[in-house]
Amino acid sequence: MMSKKYIATFLSALFISVTLLAQSGREFYELRIYNYTSDSSESRLDNYLEKALVPALHRAGMKQVGVFKSSPDDTASIKKFYVLIPYRSLTDLDKIETTLDKDKSYNSAGTDYINAAHNNAPYTRMEKIILKAFAGMPNLKKPKLTGDRKKRVYELRSYEGATEKLYRTKVKMFNEGDEVGIFNRLGFNAIFYAEVLAGKAMPNLMYMTTFDDMASRDKHWKAFGEDPQWNKLKSDKQYDNTVSHIDSWFLYPAEYSDL
């Protein structure tokens, strides 16, 4: 008969092996954010993304590319496009610009964007954020929504931590504390959860949940706030003060978005 010590050692080794296996498949994401101020810029960016970039990324093996726009109710003077690109590895991310440079169809379809003059740029500024998927959700998922795309609410959230240690504890809360599991159980239709590896608001994590409309979004968050598992989790003292600032953006998917 196996001893209790042997069984405990075996189970511990098995848990570590399963954990490492799960983490080995974690995707990396590039989130491109284009700022623009005019309808003409929106049209040019739409044309570039739909006709050039997204098809080229598909040819390069990225089959699930998300393209999202600022909510129609957003009254800010600066509008935004968000482009979410998944990669199997950082090596794939590093190679993508070279791959695009060699893609003749991409360069032909995207010439207005690629060869834009200095005084006629298609955007005012562009930002790139590099992310690594959580162990608790190593791959992005396409949301199960069927309604009008412009009525959908894709909520992109950023949680900043005051220190790296506190930030890592919040990541732990999502993974080991199973905050990801609570969102899944309550039907938040998340596309991704990820650690920010490079960005301007670090240390922070980001995730995106999706809903049919704003009423559905509000209903889901109300259920989350009342959920017994969540209230037990947030009362755990180890997770106190792990979030120092939250940003939230309401978006909707472009017609040609894969997500």
Foldseek 3Di string as FASTA:
>chain_A
DDDPVVVVVVVVVVVVVVLVVLQLQAKKKKKKKFKAQDPVLVVLVCQLVQQAVQVLLVVVPFPAKFWKWFAPPDPDRIIIIIIITIDRDVVSVVCVVVSSVPDPSNCVSNVCAVVPDPVGHSGDDMFIWMWIFQSQDRAFDDFPEDDDQSQKWKKKKKFAFPDPVLQVVVSCCVHVVVPVVLCVVLRQRWGTKTATPDDDRPRIIMTITMDHHVVRVVVSVVCLVVPPSNVVSVVPVSNPRSGDDMDMGIITTDPSGSD
